[in-house]
């Protein structure tokens, strides 16, 4: 049976508000997908989907719906391949179509597991994966250590809370999925900018969506300056 996308979007509200809503016609015919790994999907969710859907997949009001506790999701997508096909075609909204079949299958398996569709053990495992702090980087950021000023330290803390989900723990960016550029390192897009320039941009534009309780436009001037000082330090 052909399932038309506008009806699915209306039923689920699956498009992220503010990310540029897009409607498509047509439906999904059965497609062969590899077996999904729900734990791999949980890790991919944290780096690719959590900005819009929330760190625990509970949704972000006005941005994207919850992916847990929504029985209608499995009425519309009763098979994992159907959800994987939707994900691969339309997600993430910042770069749709960028995920491989395996990545889409892993994310579908994660959603199924998180909702208890793959048994209690799988549900517990992926729920625990979401609650784990990110693994420490193989080498610390260049400015970490006792020499940080209080402002840079405050910026570092705020960066990990608000910015790292898109731009990466080490500022490496995630251009293939979230679309966020590198903020330091060899591919930095802000190297050479002053603290004032960075702070002005951050204050006016960041974060793009509500992240860990921080809404767009809610950063204070001091917070924007702290973030700018931290990012500038990494580019030295």
N, C-alpha and C. Protein backbone atom coordinates (compact mmCIF):
# COMPACT_ATOMS: atom_id res chain seq x y z
N UNK A 1 0.85 -1.19 0.00
CA UNK A 1 0.00 0.00 0.00
C UNK A 1 0.88 1.24 0.00
N UNK A 2 0.56 2.17 -0.86
CA UNK A 2 1.34 3.41 -0.92
C UNK A 2 0.91 4.33 0.21
N UNK A 3 1.88 4.86 0.93
CA UNK A 3 1.59 5.75 2.04
C UNK A 3 2.04 7.15 1.66
N UNK A 4 1.14 8.08 1.60
CA UNK A 4 1.48 9.41 1.11
C UNK A 4 2.04 10.28 2.23
N UNK A 5 3.15 10.93 1.94
CA UNK A 5 3.92 11.68 2.95
C UNK A 5 3.12 12.78 3.61
N UNK A 6 2.31 13.60 2.90
CA UNK A 6 1.58 14.66 3.61
C UNK A 6 0.70 14.11 4.71
N UNK A 7 0.10 12.93 4.51
CA UNK A 7 -0.74 12.35 5.56
C UNK A 7 0.10 11.92 6.74
N UNK A 8 1.29 11.39 6.46
CA UNK A 8 2.17 10.97 7.55
C UNK A 8 2.65 12.18 8.34
N UNK A 9 2.99 13.24 7.63
CA UNK A 9 3.48 14.43 8.31
C UNK A 9 2.40 15.02 9.19
N UNK A 10 1.17 15.01 8.70
CA UNK A 10 0.06 15.56 9.49
C UNK A 10 -0.18 14.71 10.72
N UNK A 11 -0.04 13.40 10.60
CA UNK A 11 -0.31 12.51 11.72
C UNK A 11 0.78 12.57 12.76
N UNK A 12 2.01 12.69 12.33
CA UNK A 12 3.14 12.61 13.27
C UNK A 12 3.71 13.96 13.65
N UNK A 13 3.55 14.95 12.82
CA UNK A 13 4.26 16.21 13.03
C UNK A 13 5.74 15.99 12.98
N UNK A 14 6.17 15.06 12.10
CA UNK A 14 7.54 14.59 12.17
C UNK A 14 8.55 15.60 11.65
N UNK A 15 8.09 16.56 10.83
CA UNK A 15 9.03 17.56 10.35
C UNK A 15 9.38 18.52 11.47
N UNK A 16 10.62 18.86 11.59
CA UNK A 16 11.05 19.77 12.65
C UNK A 16 10.69 21.20 12.28
N UNK A 17 9.89 21.83 13.13
CA UNK A 17 9.51 23.22 12.90
C UNK A 17 10.76 24.07 12.97
N UNK A 18 10.87 25.01 12.06
CA UNK A 18 12.02 25.89 12.05
C UNK A 18 13.18 25.33 11.26
N UNK A 19 13.12 24.06 10.86
CA UNK A 19 14.20 23.47 10.09
C UNK A 19 13.90 23.56 8.60
N UNK A 20 12.78 24.17 8.22
CA UNK A 20 12.42 24.26 6.83
C UNK A 20 11.52 23.11 6.46
N UNK A 21 10.20 23.28 6.60
CA UNK A 21 9.31 22.16 6.36
C UNK A 21 9.26 21.84 4.87
N UNK A 22 9.20 20.55 4.59
CA UNK A 22 9.22 20.08 3.21
C UNK A 22 8.22 18.96 3.09
N UNK A 23 7.36 19.03 2.09
CA UNK A 23 6.42 17.96 1.84
C UNK A 23 6.80 17.27 0.55
N UNK A 24 6.55 15.98 0.52
CA UNK A 24 6.85 15.21 -0.67
C UNK A 24 5.68 14.30 -0.96
N UNK A 25 5.51 13.96 -2.23
CA UNK A 25 4.46 13.03 -2.58
C UNK A 25 5.07 11.68 -2.87
N UNK A 26 4.22 10.69 -2.98
CA UNK A 26 4.72 9.34 -3.23
C UNK A 26 4.78 8.57 -1.94
N UNK A 27 5.23 7.32 -2.01
CA UNK A 27 5.28 6.48 -0.83
C UNK A 27 6.47 5.57 -0.87
N UNK A 28 6.55 4.70 0.13
CA UNK A 28 7.67 3.79 0.25
C UNK A 28 7.24 2.40 -0.18
N UNK A 29 7.91 1.84 -1.16
CA UNK A 29 7.72 0.44 -1.50
C UNK A 29 8.73 -0.36 -0.69
N UNK A 30 8.48 -1.62 -0.52
CA UNK A 30 9.37 -2.41 0.32
C UNK A 30 10.78 -2.39 -0.22
N UNK A 31 11.70 -2.08 0.67
CA UNK A 31 13.11 -1.94 0.33
C UNK A 31 13.90 -2.87 1.23
N UNK A 32 14.95 -3.45 0.70
CA UNK A 32 15.80 -4.32 1.49
C UNK A 32 16.78 -3.47 2.29
N UNK A 33 16.71 -3.58 3.61
CA UNK A 33 17.63 -2.87 4.49
C UNK A 33 18.43 -3.88 5.30
N UNK A 34 19.68 -3.56 5.65
CA UNK A 34 20.44 -4.46 6.51
C UNK A 34 19.85 -4.49 7.91
N UNK A 35 20.22 -5.49 8.68
CA UNK A 35 19.77 -5.56 10.07
C UNK A 35 20.31 -4.35 10.82
N UNK A 36 19.45 -3.70 11.58
CA UNK A 36 19.86 -2.52 12.33
C UNK A 36 20.46 -2.89 13.68
N UNK A 37 21.43 -2.10 14.10
CA UNK A 37 22.05 -2.27 15.41
C UNK A 37 21.53 -1.15 16.31
N UNK A 38 20.67 -1.45 17.29
CA UNK A 38 20.06 -0.38 18.08
C UNK A 38 21.06 0.43 18.90
N UNK A 39 22.13 -0.20 19.37
CA UNK A 39 23.12 0.54 20.15
C UNK A 39 23.88 1.51 19.25
N UNK A 40 24.25 1.05 18.05
CA UNK A 40 24.87 1.97 17.08
C UNK A 40 23.91 3.09 16.73
N UNK A 41 22.62 2.74 16.63
CA UNK A 41 21.61 3.76 16.35
C UNK A 41 21.50 4.78 17.46
N UNK A 42 21.63 4.34 18.71
CA UNK A 42 21.58 5.26 19.85
C UNK A 42 22.73 6.26 19.79
N UNK A 43 23.91 5.78 19.42
CA UNK A 43 25.06 6.67 19.32
C UNK A 43 24.87 7.67 18.18
N UNK A 44 24.35 7.18 17.06
CA UNK A 44 24.12 8.07 15.92
C UNK A 44 23.02 9.08 16.25
N UNK A 45 22.00 8.63 16.96
CA UNK A 45 20.93 9.54 17.38
C UNK A 45 21.50 10.70 18.19
N UNK A 46 22.41 10.40 19.11
CA UNK A 46 22.95 11.43 20.00
C UNK A 46 23.71 12.50 19.23
N UNK A 47 24.35 12.12 18.11
CA UNK A 47 25.15 13.09 17.37
C UNK A 47 24.39 13.73 16.21
N UNK A 48 23.31 13.10 15.75
CA UNK A 48 22.64 13.54 14.54
C UNK A 48 21.22 14.04 14.76
N UNK A 49 20.52 13.46 15.73
CA UNK A 49 19.08 13.69 15.86
C UNK A 49 18.68 14.41 17.16
N UNK A 50 19.55 14.31 18.17
CA UNK A 50 19.15 14.78 19.50
C UNK A 50 18.91 16.28 19.56
N UNK A 51 19.57 17.06 18.71
CA UNK A 51 19.36 18.50 18.74
C UNK A 51 17.90 18.85 18.54
N UNK A 52 17.23 18.14 17.62
CA UNK A 52 15.82 18.43 17.36
C UNK A 52 14.88 17.58 18.20
N UNK A 53 15.20 16.31 18.39
CA UNK A 53 14.28 15.38 19.06
C UNK A 53 14.54 15.25 20.56
N UNK A 54 15.56 15.95 21.07
CA UNK A 54 15.86 15.88 22.50
C UNK A 54 16.84 14.77 22.82
N UNK A 55 17.65 14.98 23.84
CA UNK A 55 18.71 14.03 24.16
C UNK A 55 18.18 12.66 24.56
N UNK A 56 16.95 12.59 25.05
CA UNK A 56 16.34 11.31 25.42
C UNK A 56 15.21 10.92 24.47
N UNK A 57 15.16 11.55 23.30
CA UNK A 57 14.16 11.26 22.27
C UNK A 57 12.75 11.62 22.73
N UNK A 58 12.65 12.50 23.74
CA UNK A 58 11.34 12.90 24.25
C UNK A 58 10.75 14.07 23.48
N UNK A 59 11.45 14.54 22.44
CA UNK A 59 10.96 15.65 21.64
C UNK A 59 11.36 17.00 22.20
N UNK A 60 11.30 18.01 21.35
CA UNK A 60 11.57 19.39 21.74
C UNK A 60 10.37 20.20 21.28
N UNK A 61 9.67 20.83 22.21
CA UNK A 61 8.45 21.56 21.90
C UNK A 61 8.68 22.59 20.81
N UNK A 62 7.85 22.55 19.78
CA UNK A 62 7.94 23.50 18.68
C UNK A 62 9.02 23.19 17.68
N UNK A 63 9.78 22.12 17.90
CA UNK A 63 10.89 21.78 17.00
C UNK A 63 10.67 20.42 16.35
N UNK A 64 10.55 19.38 17.17
CA UNK A 64 10.38 18.02 16.64
C UNK A 64 9.69 17.16 17.69
N UNK A 65 8.93 16.16 17.25
CA UNK A 65 8.14 15.34 18.18
C UNK A 65 8.96 14.31 18.92
N UNK A 66 8.36 13.76 19.95
CA UNK A 66 8.96 12.65 20.68
C UNK A 66 9.00 11.42 19.80
N UNK A 67 10.02 10.61 19.98
CA UNK A 67 10.15 9.34 19.28
C UNK A 67 9.94 8.17 20.23
N UNK A 68 9.58 8.46 21.46
CA UNK A 68 9.32 7.42 22.45
C UNK A 68 7.94 7.69 23.04
N UNK A 69 7.20 6.61 23.32
CA UNK A 69 5.87 6.77 23.90
C UNK A 69 4.85 7.27 22.91
N UNK A 70 5.02 6.98 21.63
CA UNK A 70 4.08 7.42 20.58
C UNK A 70 3.57 6.19 19.83
N UNK A 71 2.50 5.56 20.28
CA UNK A 71 1.99 4.36 19.61
C UNK A 71 1.66 4.58 18.14
N UNK A 72 1.26 5.79 17.78
CA UNK A 72 0.91 6.05 16.38
C UNK A 72 2.09 5.87 15.44
N UNK A 73 3.29 6.02 15.98
CA UNK A 73 4.49 5.84 15.16
C UNK A 73 4.52 4.44 14.56
N UNK A 74 4.10 3.45 15.34
CA UNK A 74 4.20 2.06 14.90
C UNK A 74 2.93 1.60 14.18
N UNK A 75 1.90 2.43 14.25
CA UNK A 75 0.75 2.20 13.38
C UNK A 75 1.10 2.60 11.96
N UNK A 76 1.83 3.70 11.84
CA UNK A 76 2.23 4.19 10.52
C UNK A 76 3.44 3.45 9.97
N UNK A 77 4.32 3.01 10.86
CA UNK A 77 5.53 2.30 10.44
C UNK A 77 5.59 0.96 11.18
N UNK A 78 4.74 -0.01 10.79
CA UNK A 78 4.69 -1.28 11.51
C UNK A 78 5.90 -2.17 11.27
N UNK A 79 6.73 -1.82 10.29
CA UNK A 79 7.94 -2.59 10.00
C UNK A 79 9.15 -1.67 10.07
N UNK A 80 10.26 -2.22 10.56
CA UNK A 80 11.46 -1.40 10.70
C UNK A 80 11.91 -0.83 9.36
N UNK A 81 11.78 -1.60 8.28
CA UNK A 81 12.26 -1.10 6.99
C UNK A 81 11.50 0.15 6.57
N UNK A 82 10.21 0.25 6.96
CA UNK A 82 9.43 1.43 6.60
C UNK A 82 9.96 2.68 7.32
N UNK A 83 10.25 2.53 8.60
CA UNK A 83 10.81 3.65 9.35
C UNK A 83 12.21 3.99 8.84
N UNK A 84 13.00 2.96 8.51
CA UNK A 84 14.35 3.20 7.96
C UNK A 84 14.26 3.95 6.64
N UNK A 85 13.28 3.59 5.80
CA UNK A 85 13.13 4.26 4.51
C UNK A 85 12.77 5.73 4.71
N UNK A 86 11.88 6.01 5.67
CA UNK A 86 11.54 7.40 5.96
C UNK A 86 12.77 8.17 6.44
N UNK A 87 13.51 7.57 7.36
CA UNK A 87 14.69 8.23 7.92
C UNK A 87 15.71 8.52 6.83
N UNK A 88 15.98 7.51 5.99
CA UNK A 88 17.00 7.71 4.96
C UNK A 88 16.58 8.76 3.95
N UNK A 89 15.29 8.87 3.68
CA UNK A 89 14.80 9.81 2.67
C UNK A 89 14.70 11.24 3.19
N UNK A 90 14.25 11.41 4.42
CA UNK A 90 13.88 12.74 4.91
C UNK A 90 14.73 13.28 6.06
N UNK A 91 15.54 12.46 6.68
CA UNK A 91 16.29 12.90 7.85
C UNK A 91 17.79 12.88 7.58
N UNK A 92 18.58 13.69 8.35
CA UNK A 92 18.11 14.76 9.22
C UNK A 92 17.64 15.95 8.39
N UNK A 93 16.82 16.80 8.98
CA UNK A 93 16.24 17.89 8.22
C UNK A 93 17.30 18.88 7.73
N UNK A 94 18.45 18.91 8.40
CA UNK A 94 19.51 19.82 7.96
C UNK A 94 20.27 19.26 6.76
N UNK A 95 20.15 17.96 6.49
CA UNK A 95 20.87 17.35 5.37
C UNK A 95 20.19 16.06 4.96
N UNK A 96 18.92 16.13 4.49
CA UNK A 96 18.18 14.91 4.19
C UNK A 96 18.84 14.09 3.09
N UNK A 97 18.75 12.77 3.25
CA UNK A 97 19.33 11.87 2.26
C UNK A 97 20.80 11.58 2.46
N UNK A 98 21.39 12.12 3.53
CA UNK A 98 22.83 11.96 3.74
C UNK A 98 23.18 10.66 4.47
N UNK A 99 22.18 10.01 5.06
CA UNK A 99 22.46 8.79 5.83
C UNK A 99 22.51 7.57 4.92
N UNK A 100 23.38 6.64 5.24
CA UNK A 100 23.46 5.39 4.49
C UNK A 100 22.31 4.46 4.89
N UNK A 101 22.12 3.39 4.13
CA UNK A 101 21.10 2.40 4.50
C UNK A 101 21.39 1.82 5.88
N UNK A 102 22.64 1.55 6.17
CA UNK A 102 22.98 0.97 7.47
C UNK A 102 22.67 1.95 8.59
N UNK A 103 23.02 3.21 8.41
CA UNK A 103 22.73 4.20 9.44
C UNK A 103 21.23 4.36 9.66
N UNK A 104 20.46 4.38 8.57
CA UNK A 104 19.01 4.49 8.69
C UNK A 104 18.43 3.26 9.40
N UNK A 105 18.95 2.09 9.06
CA UNK A 105 18.49 0.86 9.71
C UNK A 105 18.84 0.87 11.20
N UNK A 106 20.03 1.37 11.54
CA UNK A 106 20.43 1.44 12.95
C UNK A 106 19.52 2.39 13.72
N UNK A 107 19.20 3.54 13.13
CA UNK A 107 18.32 4.49 13.79
C UNK A 107 16.91 3.92 13.96
N UNK A 108 16.41 3.23 12.95
CA UNK A 108 15.09 2.61 13.07
C UNK A 108 15.09 1.56 14.17
N UNK A 109 16.16 0.77 14.23
CA UNK A 109 16.26 -0.25 15.28
C UNK A 109 16.32 0.40 16.65
N UNK A 110 17.03 1.53 16.73
CA UNK A 110 17.09 2.26 18.00
C UNK A 110 15.71 2.71 18.45
N UNK A 111 14.93 3.30 17.55
CA UNK A 111 13.58 3.78 17.90
C UNK A 111 12.70 2.60 18.32
N UNK A 112 12.78 1.51 17.58
CA UNK A 112 12.01 0.32 17.94
C UNK A 112 12.43 -0.19 19.32
N UNK A 113 13.73 -0.27 19.56
CA UNK A 113 14.22 -0.79 20.84
C UNK A 113 13.83 0.14 21.99
N UNK A 114 13.94 1.44 21.79
CA UNK A 114 13.64 2.39 22.85
C UNK A 114 12.17 2.30 23.27
N UNK A 115 11.33 1.90 22.35
CA UNK A 115 9.91 1.76 22.64
C UNK A 115 9.51 0.34 23.05
N UNK A 116 10.50 -0.50 23.32
CA UNK A 116 10.23 -1.84 23.82
C UNK A 116 9.81 -2.84 22.77
N UNK A 117 9.96 -2.50 21.49
CA UNK A 117 9.52 -3.39 20.42
C UNK A 117 10.50 -4.53 20.17
N UNK A 118 11.70 -4.42 20.70
CA UNK A 118 12.71 -5.47 20.50
C UNK A 118 13.02 -6.20 21.80
N UNK A 119 12.15 -6.04 22.79
CA UNK A 119 12.33 -6.73 24.06
C UNK A 119 12.90 -5.85 25.14
N UNK A 120 12.74 -6.25 26.42
CA UNK A 120 13.17 -5.41 27.53
C UNK A 120 14.68 -5.21 27.61
N UNK A 121 15.45 -6.22 27.21
CA UNK A 121 16.91 -6.09 27.30
C UNK A 121 17.41 -5.02 26.34
N UNK A 122 16.90 -5.05 25.11
CA UNK A 122 17.31 -4.04 24.12
C UNK A 122 16.87 -2.64 24.55
N UNK A 123 15.67 -2.55 25.12
CA UNK A 123 15.18 -1.25 25.58
C UNK A 123 16.09 -0.69 26.68
N UNK A 124 16.48 -1.51 27.62
CA UNK A 124 17.36 -1.07 28.71
C UNK A 124 18.72 -0.65 28.17
N UNK A 125 19.22 -1.40 27.18
CA UNK A 125 20.55 -1.13 26.65
C UNK A 125 20.60 0.22 25.93
N UNK A 126 19.59 0.49 25.09
CA UNK A 126 19.64 1.77 24.36
C UNK A 126 19.31 2.94 25.28
N UNK A 127 18.43 2.72 26.26
CA UNK A 127 18.13 3.78 27.22
C UNK A 127 19.39 4.15 28.00
N UNK A 128 20.17 3.13 28.38
CA UNK A 128 21.42 3.37 29.09
C UNK A 128 22.41 4.10 28.20
N UNK A 129 22.41 3.77 26.90
CA UNK A 129 23.33 4.44 25.97
C UNK A 129 23.06 5.92 25.91
N UNK A 130 21.80 6.31 25.95
CA UNK A 130 21.45 7.73 25.89
C UNK A 130 21.89 8.46 27.15
N UNK A 131 21.91 7.74 28.27
CA UNK A 131 22.23 8.38 29.53
C UNK A 131 23.71 8.45 29.82
N UNK A 132 24.52 7.80 29.00
CA UNK A 132 25.95 7.80 29.25
C UNK A 132 26.57 9.09 28.77
N UNK A 133 27.50 9.65 29.55
CA UNK A 133 28.20 10.84 29.06
C UNK A 133 29.07 10.47 27.88
N UNK A 134 29.38 11.42 26.99
CA UNK A 134 30.23 11.09 25.85
C UNK A 134 31.60 10.62 26.30
N UNK A 135 32.16 9.68 25.53
CA UNK A 135 33.49 9.16 25.86
C UNK A 135 34.49 10.30 25.79
N UNK A 136 35.48 10.30 26.67
CA UNK A 136 36.47 11.38 26.63
C UNK A 136 37.24 11.33 25.33
N UNK A 137 37.65 12.48 24.79
CA UNK A 137 38.40 12.50 23.55
C UNK A 137 39.76 11.84 23.73
N UNK A 138 40.31 11.34 22.62
CA UNK A 138 41.60 10.66 22.69
C UNK A 138 42.70 11.61 23.13
N UNK A 139 42.57 12.88 22.79
CA UNK A 139 43.51 13.89 23.29
C UNK A 139 42.68 15.10 23.70
N UNK A 140 43.01 15.76 24.82
CA UNK A 140 42.18 16.86 25.30
C UNK A 140 42.26 18.06 24.39
N UNK A 141 41.23 18.89 24.38
CA UNK A 141 41.30 20.14 23.62
C UNK A 141 42.50 20.94 24.06
N UNK A 142 43.08 21.71 23.17
CA UNK A 142 44.35 22.37 23.47
C UNK A 142 44.29 23.32 24.64
N UNK A 143 43.11 23.83 25.00
CA UNK A 143 43.08 24.80 26.08
C UNK A 143 42.68 24.19 27.41
N UNK A 144 42.47 22.86 27.47
CA UNK A 144 42.06 22.28 28.73
C UNK A 144 43.22 22.30 29.71
N UNK A 145 42.92 22.34 30.98
CA UNK A 145 43.97 22.35 31.99
C UNK A 145 43.79 23.49 32.96
N UNK A 146 44.73 23.57 33.90
CA UNK A 146 44.60 24.51 35.00
C UNK A 146 44.77 25.97 34.57
N UNK A 147 45.32 26.19 33.37
CA UNK A 147 45.59 27.55 32.96
C UNK A 147 44.39 28.29 32.39
N UNK A 148 43.26 27.66 32.32
CA UNK A 148 42.08 28.34 31.78
C UNK A 148 41.66 29.49 32.67
N UNK A 149 41.31 30.60 32.07
CA UNK A 149 40.72 31.67 32.86
C UNK A 149 39.29 31.27 33.19
N UNK A 150 38.69 31.95 34.14
CA UNK A 150 37.33 31.60 34.55
C UNK A 150 36.35 31.80 33.39
N UNK A 151 36.56 32.83 32.55
CA UNK A 151 35.65 33.07 31.43
C UNK A 151 35.75 31.96 30.40
N UNK A 152 36.97 31.55 30.09
CA UNK A 152 37.15 30.48 29.11
C UNK A 152 36.61 29.17 29.66
N UNK A 153 36.82 28.93 30.96
CA UNK A 153 36.29 27.72 31.58
C UNK A 153 34.76 27.71 31.53
N UNK A 154 34.15 28.88 31.76
CA UNK A 154 32.69 28.98 31.67
C UNK A 154 32.22 28.73 30.25
N UNK A 155 32.97 29.26 29.28
CA UNK A 155 32.64 29.03 27.88
C UNK A 155 32.78 27.58 27.48
N UNK A 156 33.79 26.92 28.01
CA UNK A 156 34.00 25.50 27.72
C UNK A 156 32.83 24.67 28.25
N UNK A 157 32.41 24.96 29.46
CA UNK A 157 31.28 24.24 30.06
C UNK A 157 30.00 24.45 29.26
N UNK A 158 29.76 25.70 28.85
CA UNK A 158 28.55 26.01 28.09
C UNK A 158 28.62 25.39 26.70
N UNK A 159 29.81 25.37 26.11
CA UNK A 159 29.98 24.74 24.80
C UNK A 159 29.59 23.27 24.85
N UNK A 160 30.07 22.55 25.85
CA UNK A 160 29.75 21.12 25.94
C UNK A 160 28.26 20.89 26.14
N UNK A 161 27.60 21.81 26.82
CA UNK A 161 26.17 21.66 27.09
C UNK A 161 25.31 22.00 25.88
N UNK A 162 25.70 23.05 25.15
CA UNK A 162 24.80 23.60 24.13
C UNK A 162 25.30 23.36 22.71
N UNK A 163 26.60 23.38 22.50
CA UNK A 163 27.14 23.42 21.14
C UNK A 163 27.70 22.08 20.64
N UNK A 164 28.19 21.26 21.58
CA UNK A 164 28.92 20.06 21.17
C UNK A 164 28.05 19.06 20.42
N UNK A 165 26.74 19.04 20.71
CA UNK A 165 25.87 18.06 20.05
C UNK A 165 25.89 18.24 18.53
N UNK A 166 26.08 19.47 18.05
CA UNK A 166 26.16 19.72 16.61
C UNK A 166 27.60 19.87 16.13
N UNK A 167 28.39 20.65 16.87
CA UNK A 167 29.74 21.00 16.40
C UNK A 167 30.82 20.01 16.84
N UNK A 168 30.43 19.02 17.67
CA UNK A 168 31.39 18.02 18.10
C UNK A 168 32.09 18.39 19.39
N UNK A 169 32.40 17.36 20.19
CA UNK A 169 33.08 17.58 21.46
C UNK A 169 34.40 18.31 21.29
N UNK A 170 35.09 18.02 20.19
CA UNK A 170 36.38 18.65 19.93
C UNK A 170 36.30 19.71 18.85
N UNK A 171 35.09 20.25 18.60
CA UNK A 171 34.94 21.33 17.64
C UNK A 171 35.17 20.93 16.20
N UNK A 172 35.10 19.60 15.94
CA UNK A 172 35.43 19.10 14.60
C UNK A 172 34.30 19.28 13.59
N UNK A 173 33.10 19.64 14.08
CA UNK A 173 31.96 19.82 13.19
C UNK A 173 31.32 18.49 12.80
N UNK A 174 30.18 18.59 12.13
CA UNK A 174 29.45 17.40 11.70
C UNK A 174 28.73 17.75 10.40
N UNK A 175 29.50 18.18 9.42
CA UNK A 175 28.92 18.71 8.18
C UNK A 175 28.08 17.70 7.43
N UNK A 176 28.40 16.40 7.57
CA UNK A 176 27.66 15.38 6.81
C UNK A 176 26.27 15.14 7.36
N UNK A 177 26.04 15.39 8.65
CA UNK A 177 24.75 15.07 9.25
C UNK A 177 24.03 16.32 9.76
N UNK A 178 24.54 16.94 10.81
CA UNK A 178 23.84 18.11 11.35
C UNK A 178 24.07 19.35 10.51
N UNK A 179 25.12 19.35 9.67
CA UNK A 179 25.43 20.52 8.86
C UNK A 179 26.27 21.54 9.60
N UNK A 180 26.65 21.25 10.85
CA UNK A 180 27.42 22.21 11.65
C UNK A 180 28.89 22.16 11.25
N UNK A 181 29.52 23.32 11.02
CA UNK A 181 30.92 23.34 10.60
C UNK A 181 31.88 23.18 11.77
N UNK A 182 33.13 22.92 11.44
CA UNK A 182 34.19 22.87 12.44
C UNK A 182 34.45 24.26 13.00
N UNK A 183 34.68 24.35 14.31
CA UNK A 183 34.95 25.64 14.94
C UNK A 183 36.40 25.80 15.34
N UNK A 184 37.14 24.72 15.31
CA UNK A 184 38.59 24.81 15.43
C UNK A 184 39.20 23.60 14.76
N UNK A 185 40.52 23.54 14.71
CA UNK A 185 41.18 22.49 13.95
C UNK A 185 41.43 22.92 12.52
N UNK A 186 41.90 22.00 11.67
CA UNK A 186 42.31 22.37 10.30
C UNK A 186 41.17 22.88 9.43
N UNK A 187 39.93 22.51 9.76
CA UNK A 187 38.79 22.94 8.94
C UNK A 187 37.97 24.05 9.59
N UNK A 188 38.53 24.74 10.56
CA UNK A 188 37.81 25.78 11.27
C UNK A 188 37.31 26.87 10.32
N UNK A 189 36.04 27.25 10.50
CA UNK A 189 35.46 28.31 9.68
C UNK A 189 35.53 29.67 10.38
N UNK A 190 36.04 29.70 11.61
CA UNK A 190 36.05 30.96 12.36
C UNK A 190 37.46 31.41 12.73
N UNK A 191 38.46 30.67 12.28
CA UNK A 191 39.83 31.05 12.60
C UNK A 191 40.13 32.45 12.08
N UNK A 192 40.71 33.28 12.93
CA UNK A 192 41.03 34.64 12.54
C UNK A 192 39.99 35.66 12.96
N UNK A 193 38.80 35.18 13.36
CA UNK A 193 37.78 36.12 13.83
C UNK A 193 38.08 36.54 15.26
N UNK A 194 37.74 37.76 15.57
CA UNK A 194 37.98 38.27 16.92
C UNK A 194 36.92 37.75 17.89
N UNK A 195 37.20 37.87 19.16
CA UNK A 195 36.23 37.47 20.18
C UNK A 195 34.94 38.27 20.01
N UNK A 196 35.07 39.56 19.70
CA UNK A 196 33.88 40.39 19.52
C UNK A 196 33.03 39.93 18.35
N UNK A 197 33.67 39.58 17.23
CA UNK A 197 32.92 39.09 16.06
C UNK A 197 32.21 37.79 16.38
N UNK A 198 32.92 36.88 17.03
CA UNK A 198 32.32 35.59 17.40
C UNK A 198 31.15 35.78 18.36
N UNK A 199 31.36 36.62 19.37
CA UNK A 199 30.32 36.83 20.38
C UNK A 199 29.06 37.42 19.74
N UNK A 200 29.24 38.36 18.83
CA UNK A 200 28.08 38.98 18.18
C UNK A 200 27.30 37.96 17.37
N UNK A 201 28.02 37.10 16.66
CA UNK A 201 27.34 36.08 15.87
C UNK A 201 26.61 35.09 16.76
N UNK A 202 27.29 34.63 17.81
CA UNK A 202 26.68 33.66 18.74
C UNK A 202 25.44 34.24 19.38
N UNK A 203 25.54 35.48 19.85
CA UNK A 203 24.40 36.11 20.53
C UNK A 203 23.20 36.23 19.61
N UNK A 204 23.45 36.52 18.34
CA UNK A 204 22.35 36.76 17.40
C UNK A 204 21.77 35.48 16.81
N UNK A 205 22.56 34.39 16.77
CA UNK A 205 22.14 33.23 15.98
C UNK A 205 22.11 31.89 16.70
N UNK A 206 22.73 31.76 17.83
CA UNK A 206 22.90 30.45 18.45
C UNK A 206 22.14 30.32 19.76
N UNK A 207 21.71 29.10 20.11
CA UNK A 207 21.69 27.90 19.29
C UNK A 207 20.55 27.98 18.28
N UNK A 208 20.66 27.19 17.21
CA UNK A 208 19.62 27.22 16.19
C UNK A 208 18.30 26.66 16.70
N UNK A 209 18.38 25.64 17.57
CA UNK A 209 17.19 25.05 18.16
C UNK A 209 17.44 24.88 19.66
N UNK A 210 16.38 24.70 20.42
CA UNK A 210 16.51 24.53 21.85
C UNK A 210 17.34 23.29 22.15
N UNK A 211 18.37 23.46 22.95
CA UNK A 211 19.31 22.38 23.24
C UNK A 211 19.59 22.34 24.74
N UNK A 212 19.25 21.21 25.35
CA UNK A 212 19.47 21.03 26.78
C UNK A 212 18.95 22.22 27.59
N UNK A 213 17.76 22.67 27.22
CA UNK A 213 17.11 23.74 27.98
C UNK A 213 17.47 25.14 27.56
N UNK A 214 18.40 25.30 26.64
CA UNK A 214 18.81 26.63 26.18
C UNK A 214 18.12 26.92 24.86
N UNK A 215 17.26 27.91 24.84
CA UNK A 215 16.45 28.22 23.66
C UNK A 215 17.17 29.21 22.75
N UNK A 216 16.82 29.20 21.45
CA UNK A 216 17.39 30.20 20.54
C UNK A 216 17.16 31.62 21.06
N UNK A 217 18.19 32.44 21.00
CA UNK A 217 18.07 33.82 21.42
C UNK A 217 18.12 34.06 22.91
N UNK A 218 18.34 32.99 23.69
CA UNK A 218 18.29 33.14 25.15
C UNK A 218 19.66 33.34 25.79
N UNK A 219 20.74 33.20 25.04
CA UNK A 219 22.07 33.38 25.61
C UNK A 219 22.28 34.85 25.99
N UNK A 220 22.84 35.07 27.16
CA UNK A 220 23.17 36.44 27.56
C UNK A 220 24.43 36.90 26.84
N UNK A 221 24.69 38.19 26.89
CA UNK A 221 25.91 38.70 26.27
C UNK A 221 27.15 38.09 26.92
N UNK A 222 27.09 37.89 28.24
CA UNK A 222 28.24 37.28 28.93
C UNK A 222 28.45 35.85 28.47
N UNK A 223 27.37 35.10 28.32
CA UNK A 223 27.49 33.72 27.86
C UNK A 223 28.06 33.66 26.44
N UNK A 224 27.57 34.55 25.58
CA UNK A 224 28.08 34.59 24.21
C UNK A 224 29.57 34.94 24.19
N UNK A 225 29.96 35.86 25.05
CA UNK A 225 31.37 36.25 25.12
C UNK A 225 32.22 35.12 25.68
N UNK A 226 31.72 34.42 26.70
CA UNK A 226 32.46 33.28 27.25
C UNK A 226 32.68 32.21 26.19
N UNK A 227 31.62 31.91 25.42
CA UNK A 227 31.75 30.92 24.34
C UNK A 227 32.76 31.40 23.30
N UNK A 228 32.69 32.68 22.95
CA UNK A 228 33.60 33.22 21.94
C UNK A 228 35.05 33.14 22.42
N UNK A 229 35.29 33.43 23.70
CA UNK A 229 36.64 33.35 24.23
C UNK A 229 37.15 31.91 24.21
N UNK A 230 36.28 30.99 24.57
CA UNK A 230 36.70 29.58 24.55
C UNK A 230 37.02 29.14 23.13
N UNK A 231 36.15 29.45 22.15
CA UNK A 231 36.36 29.03 20.77
C UNK A 231 37.61 29.70 20.20
N UNK A 232 37.79 30.99 20.48
CA UNK A 232 38.97 31.70 19.99
C UNK A 232 40.25 31.08 20.53
N UNK A 233 40.21 30.63 21.79
CA UNK A 233 41.38 30.02 22.41
C UNK A 233 41.79 28.75 21.65
N UNK A 234 40.76 28.00 21.18
CA UNK A 234 41.08 26.75 20.47
C UNK A 234 41.74 27.02 19.13
N UNK A 235 41.55 28.21 18.58
CA UNK A 235 42.08 28.52 17.26
C UNK A 235 43.46 29.17 17.30
N UNK A 236 44.03 29.28 18.47
CA UNK A 236 45.37 29.87 18.59
C UNK A 236 46.45 28.85 18.28
